[in-house]
């Protein structure tokens, strides 16, 4: 059955995209230790936020005011944001899974 343009238009939005990406990131196996303070999904979603919002650097992402940070956390369904060193460590460990995803 062919979907109409209106049905597709309703189902294609940023919120749906973010939920789908987050659920895909949830399926990745976290190879870090049990003492990790930020979930793998939150770190990967933070990286996606940097990409999609076109932050010029990780530092710009880290030094947000409280309102920007709250908006970012709500938009991308984050429980915690990470810093650049946490993101780099995860990039190294999750690189193979990310290659399969993209």
Foldseek 3Di string as FASTA:
>chain_A
DDDDPVVVVVCDDLQNVLVVVLVLQVPDDDPDDPPDPADSSLLVLLVVLCVVVVPVDQVSSVPDDPVVVVVSCVSNVGPDHDGPVVSVVSCVVCVVVVVVVD
